[in-house]
Amino acid sequence: MAWYALYTKSRVEKKVALRLKEQGITCYCPVSKKRKQWSDRKKWVEEPLFKSYVFVDIDLASQSSQVRQVNGVVNFVYWLHKPAVVQDSEITAIQNFLSEHSDVEAIDNVIKIGDFVTLDTGALAGQKAEVLGFKNKHEVRLRIESLGFELVAYINQS
C-alpha cells in the first residue's frame, strides 16, 4: 500500500473522491476553506487545494485498474515512467497544515531568494530582477517536495 496522485477531469475532484470512497478505496482530496463574495452575500466554501488532483492509498498491482475506471479519473500522475508515489509523511503534513490554517493555496512555481524573475507590470515591466528576500511576515509556508508545490497560508493579524 502506498499513496499515489491521480489526475482528474477539471472541477470534479470532490466527486471523484466520493466515488472512490463508495468503492472502499482510501483517498484524500485536500480542501481549503475560502471566503467567497457574490453580489448579495459572502460565504465560506471548500475548494480543492490541488486542482485536478486526488490522492489514493492503494496496492497498485491489484487496485490500479479499479481506480482508473472511476468516472472523472484521467490517469495516475507519472514520474520517471511510473505512477508517482507520495510519502505518508507528506500526506500527514498536508492534513496537519490544513487543520491549522484555513485560507490556503498551492503554488506550483516556488520563488526562492536568489531566483531571477521578470517583472510583468509597472515602469520596469520586462526587466529581470533577483529575489533578495520577503517582507510579508503574515505568511506560513510548507514545501511539498515530491509534488513540487509550496503551500501558503495567509494569517490575518486583526
C-alpha atoms as a PDB file:
ATOM      1  CA  MET A   1       0.000   0.000   0.000  1.00  0.00           C
ATOM      2  CA  ALA A   2       1.233   3.460  -0.904  1.00  0.00           C
ATOM      3  CA  TRP A   3      -0.197   6.870  -1.679  1.00  0.00           C
ATOM      4  CA  TYR A   4      -0.440   7.808  -5.357  1.00  0.00           C
ATOM      5  CA  ALA A   5      -1.515  11.012  -7.056  1.00  0.00           C
ATOM      6  CA  LEU A   6      -4.418  10.818  -9.509  1.00  0.00           C
ATOM      7  CA  TYR A   7      -5.091  13.342 -12.245  1.00  0.00           C
ATOM      8  CA  THR A   8      -8.825  14.074 -12.616  1.00  0.00           C
ATOM      9  CA  LYS A   9     -11.016  15.955 -15.015  1.00  0.00           C
ATOM     10  CA  SER A  10     -11.339  19.625 -14.198  1.00  0.00           C
ATOM     11  CA  ARG A  11     -13.539  20.594 -11.227  1.00  0.00           C
ATOM     12  CA  VAL A  12     -14.583  17.036 -10.268  1.00  0.00           C
ATOM     13  CA  GLU A  13     -12.002  16.338  -7.550  1.00  0.00           C
ATOM     14  CA  LYS A  14     -14.516  16.097  -4.696  1.00  0.00           C
ATOM     15  CA  LYS A  15     -16.884  13.925  -6.776  1.00  0.00           C
ATOM     16  CA  VAL A  16     -14.040  11.569  -7.693  1.00  0.00           C
ATOM     17  CA  ALA A  17     -13.069  11.296  -4.006  1.00  0.00           C
ATOM     18  CA  LEU A  18     -16.675  10.456  -3.120  1.00  0.00           C
ATOM     19  CA  ARG A  19     -16.882   7.790  -5.853  1.00  0.00           C
ATOM     20  CA  LEU A  20     -13.594   6.253  -4.703  1.00  0.00           C
ATOM     21  CA  LYS A  21     -14.822   6.128  -1.087  1.00  0.00           C
ATOM     22  CA  GLU A  22     -18.057   4.479  -2.239  1.00  0.00           C
ATOM     23  CA  GLN A  23     -15.911   1.709  -3.755  1.00  0.00           C
ATOM     24  CA  GLY A  24     -13.993   1.276  -0.496  1.00  0.00           C
ATOM     25  CA  ILE A  25     -10.796   2.914  -1.736  1.00  0.00           C
ATOM     26  CA  THR A  26      -8.909   5.080   0.750  1.00  0.00           C
ATOM     27  CA  CYS A  27      -8.482   8.509  -0.783  1.00  0.00           C
ATOM     28  CA  TYR A  28      -7.735  12.081   0.194  1.00  0.00           C
ATOM     29  CA  CYS A  29      -8.852  15.244  -1.562  1.00  0.00           C
ATOM     30  CA  PRO A  30      -7.331  18.127   0.413  1.00  0.00           C
ATOM     31  CA  VAL A  31      -9.633  21.148   0.517  1.00  0.00           C
ATOM     32  CA  SER A  32      -9.066  24.713   1.627  1.00  0.00           C
ATOM     33  CA  LYS A  33     -11.785  26.877   3.116  1.00  0.00           C
ATOM     34  CA  LYS A  34     -12.052  30.160   1.241  1.00  0.00           C
ATOM     35  CA  ARG A  35     -14.332  33.110   1.772  1.00  0.00           C
ATOM     36  CA  LYS A  36     -16.138  33.882  -1.499  1.00  0.00           C
ATOM     37  CA  GLN A  37     -18.126  37.000  -2.188  1.00  0.00           C
ATOM     38  CA  TRP A  38     -21.070  37.190  -4.511  1.00  0.00           C
ATOM     39  CA  SER A  39     -23.035  40.339  -5.265  1.00  0.00           C
ATOM     40  CA  ASP A  40     -25.546  39.600  -2.496  1.00  0.00           C
ATOM     41  CA  ARG A  41     -23.613  37.581   0.131  1.00  0.00           C
ATOM     42  CA  LYS A  42     -20.345  36.201   1.442  1.00  0.00           C
ATOM     43  CA  LYS A  43     -19.888  32.511   2.137  1.00  0.00           C
ATOM     44  CA  TRP A  44     -17.166  30.060   3.186  1.00  0.00           C
ATOM     45  CA  VAL A  45     -16.674  27.338   0.558  1.00  0.00           C
ATOM     46  CA  GLU A  46     -14.357  24.341   0.386  1.00  0.00           C
ATOM     47  CA  GLU A  47     -12.211  24.254  -2.741  1.00  0.00           C
ATOM     48  CA  PRO A  48      -9.748  21.511  -3.682  1.00  0.00           C
ATOM     49  CA  LEU A  49      -6.235  22.569  -2.735  1.00  0.00           C
ATOM     50  CA  PHE A  50      -4.629  20.876  -5.726  1.00  0.00           C
ATOM     51  CA  LYS A  51      -6.677  21.481  -8.865  1.00  0.00           C
ATOM     52  CA  SER A  52      -7.378  18.205 -10.734  1.00  0.00           C
ATOM     53  CA  TYR A  53      -5.585  16.017  -8.158  1.00  0.00           C
ATOM     54  CA  VAL A  54      -6.793  13.388  -5.688  1.00  0.00           C
ATOM     55  CA  PHE A  55      -4.581  11.052  -3.656  1.00  0.00           C
ATOM     56  CA  VAL A  56      -5.295   7.343  -3.195  1.00  0.00           C
ATOM     57  CA  ASP A  57      -3.786   4.830  -0.758  1.00  0.00           C
ATOM     58  CA  ILE A  58      -3.832   1.570  -2.703  1.00  0.00           C
ATOM     59  CA  ASP A  59      -1.955  -1.567  -3.668  1.00  0.00           C
ATOM     60  CA  LEU A  60      -1.015  -0.540  -7.206  1.00  0.00           C
ATOM     61  CA  ALA A  61      -0.825  -4.089  -8.592  1.00  0.00           C
ATOM     62  CA  SER A  62      -4.324  -5.107  -7.544  1.00  0.00           C
ATOM     63  CA  GLN A  63      -6.309  -1.845  -7.488  1.00  0.00           C
ATOM     64  CA  SER A  64      -4.948   0.375 -10.278  1.00  0.00           C
ATOM     65  CA  SER A  65      -7.458  -0.758 -12.903  1.00  0.00           C
ATOM     66  CA  GLN A  66     -10.354  -0.290 -10.455  1.00  0.00           C
ATOM     67  CA  VAL A  67      -9.171   3.276  -9.730  1.00  0.00           C
ATOM     68  CA  ARG A  68      -8.750   4.133 -13.423  1.00  0.00           C
ATOM     69  CA  GLN A  69     -12.358   3.088 -14.129  1.00  0.00           C
ATOM     70  CA  VAL A  70     -13.837   5.606 -11.699  1.00  0.00           C
ATOM     71  CA  ASN A  71     -15.749   8.291 -13.588  1.00  0.00           C
ATOM     72  CA  GLY A  72     -13.712  11.517 -13.610  1.00  0.00           C
ATOM     73  CA  VAL A  73     -10.274   9.903 -13.218  1.00  0.00           C
ATOM     74  CA  VAL A  74      -7.974  10.652 -16.145  1.00  0.00           C
ATOM     75  CA  ASN A  75      -4.920   8.661 -15.021  1.00  0.00           C
ATOM     76  CA  PHE A  76      -2.237   8.342 -12.400  1.00  0.00           C
ATOM     77  CA  VAL A  77       0.338  11.108 -12.248  1.00  0.00           C
ATOM     78  CA  TYR A  78       3.599   9.657 -13.572  1.00  0.00           C
ATOM     79  CA  TRP A  79       7.172  10.384 -12.558  1.00  0.00           C
ATOM     80  CA  LEU A  80      10.007   8.674 -14.466  1.00  0.00           C
ATOM     81  CA  HIS A  81       7.526   6.428 -16.292  1.00  0.00           C
ATOM     82  CA  LYS A  82       5.986   5.117 -13.050  1.00  0.00           C
ATOM     83  CA  PRO A  83       2.958   6.270 -11.045  1.00  0.00           C
ATOM     84  CA  ALA A  84       4.152   8.991  -8.665  1.00  0.00           C
ATOM     85  CA  VAL A  85       4.369   7.816  -5.054  1.00  0.00           C
ATOM     86  CA  VAL A  86       3.544  10.380  -2.384  1.00  0.00           C
ATOM     87  CA  GLN A  87       5.127   9.767   1.009  1.00  0.00           C
ATOM     88  CA  ASP A  88       2.873   9.118   4.025  1.00  0.00           C
ATOM     89  CA  SER A  89       4.685  11.933   5.829  1.00  0.00           C
ATOM     90  CA  GLU A  90       3.733  14.388   3.074  1.00  0.00           C
ATOM     91  CA  ILE A  91       0.047  13.420   3.226  1.00  0.00           C
ATOM     92  CA  THR A  92       0.192  13.822   7.014  1.00  0.00           C
ATOM     93  CA  ALA A  93       1.940  17.196   6.643  1.00  0.00           C
ATOM     94  CA  ILE A  94      -0.804  18.418   4.264  1.00  0.00           C
ATOM     95  CA  GLN A  95      -3.522  17.205   6.656  1.00  0.00           C
ATOM     96  CA  ASN A  96      -1.871  18.870   9.655  1.00  0.00           C
ATOM     97  CA  PHE A  97      -1.255  22.112   7.764  1.00  0.00           C
ATOM     98  CA  LEU A  98      -4.891  22.296   6.623  1.00  0.00           C
ATOM     99  CA  SER A  99      -6.164  21.570  10.130  1.00  0.00           C
ATOM    100  CA  GLU A 100      -4.221  24.572  11.445  1.00  0.00           C
ATOM    101  CA  HIS A 101      -4.908  27.068   8.632  1.00  0.00           C
ATOM    102  CA  SER A 102      -7.975  27.930   6.591  1.00  0.00           C
ATOM    103  CA  ASP A 103      -7.168  30.214   3.638  1.00  0.00           C
ATOM    104  CA  VAL A 104      -4.501  28.042   1.971  1.00  0.00           C
ATOM    105  CA  GLU A 105      -3.442  27.845  -1.655  1.00  0.00           C
ATOM    106  CA  ALA A 106      -0.979  25.639  -3.565  1.00  0.00           C
ATOM    107  CA  ILE A 107       1.648  27.409  -5.627  1.00  0.00           C
ATOM    108  CA  ASP A 108       3.476  25.349  -8.226  1.00  0.00           C
ATOM    109  CA  ASN A 109       6.175  27.863  -9.167  1.00  0.00           C
ATOM    110  CA  VAL A 110       8.136  28.416  -5.985  1.00  0.00           C
ATOM    111  CA  ILE A 111      10.198  31.598  -5.937  1.00  0.00           C
ATOM    112  CA  LYS A 112      13.241  31.476  -3.680  1.00  0.00           C
ATOM    113  CA  ILE A 113      15.788  34.005  -2.546  1.00  0.00           C
ATOM    114  CA  GLY A 114      18.397  34.213  -5.280  1.00  0.00           C
ATOM    115  CA  ASP A 115      15.961  33.378  -8.114  1.00  0.00           C
ATOM    116  CA  PHE A 116      15.633  35.695 -11.090  1.00  0.00           C
ATOM    117  CA  VAL A 117      12.191  36.884 -12.173  1.00  0.00           C
ATOM    118  CA  THR A 118      10.881  39.069 -14.985  1.00  0.00           C
ATOM    119  CA  LEU A 119       8.648  41.946 -13.899  1.00  0.00           C
ATOM    120  CA  ASP A 120       5.210  41.858 -15.571  1.00  0.00           C
ATOM    121  CA  THR A 121       3.795  45.289 -14.798  1.00  0.00           C
ATOM    122  CA  GLY A 122       4.797  48.793 -13.826  1.00  0.00           C
ATOM    123  CA  ALA A 123       7.545  51.090 -15.036  1.00  0.00           C
ATOM    124  CA  LEU A 124      10.082  48.254 -15.004  1.00  0.00           C
ATOM    125  CA  ALA A 125       7.945  45.747 -16.946  1.00  0.00           C
ATOM    126  CA  GLY A 126      10.109  43.305 -18.887  1.00  0.00           C
ATOM    127  CA  GLN A 127      13.145  43.807 -16.628  1.00  0.00           C
ATOM    128  CA  LYS A 128      14.745  40.867 -14.829  1.00  0.00           C
ATOM    129  CA  ALA A 129      15.207  41.094 -11.077  1.00  0.00           C
ATOM    130  CA  GLU A 130      16.818  38.915  -8.414  1.00  0.00           C
ATOM    131  CA  VAL A 131      14.732  37.930  -5.401  1.00  0.00           C
ATOM    132  CA  LEU A 132      16.615  39.159  -2.327  1.00  0.00           C
ATOM    133  CA  GLY A 133      14.089  38.390   0.410  1.00  0.00           C
ATOM    134  CA  PHE A 134      10.491  38.515   1.546  1.00  0.00           C
ATOM    135  CA  LYS A 135       8.822  41.282   3.552  1.00  0.00           C
ATOM    136  CA  ASN A 136       5.456  39.712   4.198  1.00  0.00           C
ATOM    137  CA  LYS A 137       5.582  38.180   7.671  1.00  0.00           C
ATOM    138  CA  HIS A 138       1.908  37.211   7.567  1.00  0.00           C
ATOM    139  CA  GLU A 139       2.521  34.008   5.625  1.00  0.00           C
ATOM    140  CA  VAL A 140       3.172  30.445   6.740  1.00  0.00           C
ATOM    141  CA  ARG A 141       4.791  28.227   4.107  1.00  0.00           C
ATOM    142  CA  LEU A 142       5.139  24.451   3.768  1.00  0.00           C
ATOM    143  CA  ARG A 143       7.017  22.935   0.829  1.00  0.00           C
ATOM    144  CA  ILE A 144       5.876  19.552  -0.524  1.00  0.00           C
ATOM    145  CA  GLU A 145       8.985  18.244  -2.306  1.00  0.00           C
ATOM    146  CA  SER A 146       7.626  15.323  -4.328  1.00  0.00           C
ATOM    147  CA  LEU A 147       4.730  17.350  -5.730  1.00  0.00           C
ATOM    148  CA  GLY A 148       6.752  20.473  -6.493  1.00  0.00           C
ATOM    149  CA  PHE A 149       4.293  22.675  -4.618  1.00  0.00           C
ATOM    150  CA  GLU A 150       4.505  25.135  -1.784  1.00  0.00           C
ATOM    151  CA  LEU A 151       1.502  25.740   0.448  1.00  0.00           C
ATOM    152  CA  VAL A 152       0.927  29.305   1.602  1.00  0.00           C
ATOM    153  CA  ALA A 153      -1.450  30.324   4.392  1.00  0.00           C
ATOM    154  CA  TYR A 154      -2.239  33.995   4.875  1.00  0.00           C
ATOM    155  CA  ILE A 155      -2.604  34.896   8.533  1.00  0.00           C
ATOM    156  CA  ASN A 156      -4.934  37.747   9.406  1.00  0.00           C
ATOM    157  CA  GLN A 157      -3.399  39.860  12.196  1.00  0.00           C
ATOM    158  CA  SER A 158      -6.598  41.725  13.182  1.00  0.00           C
END
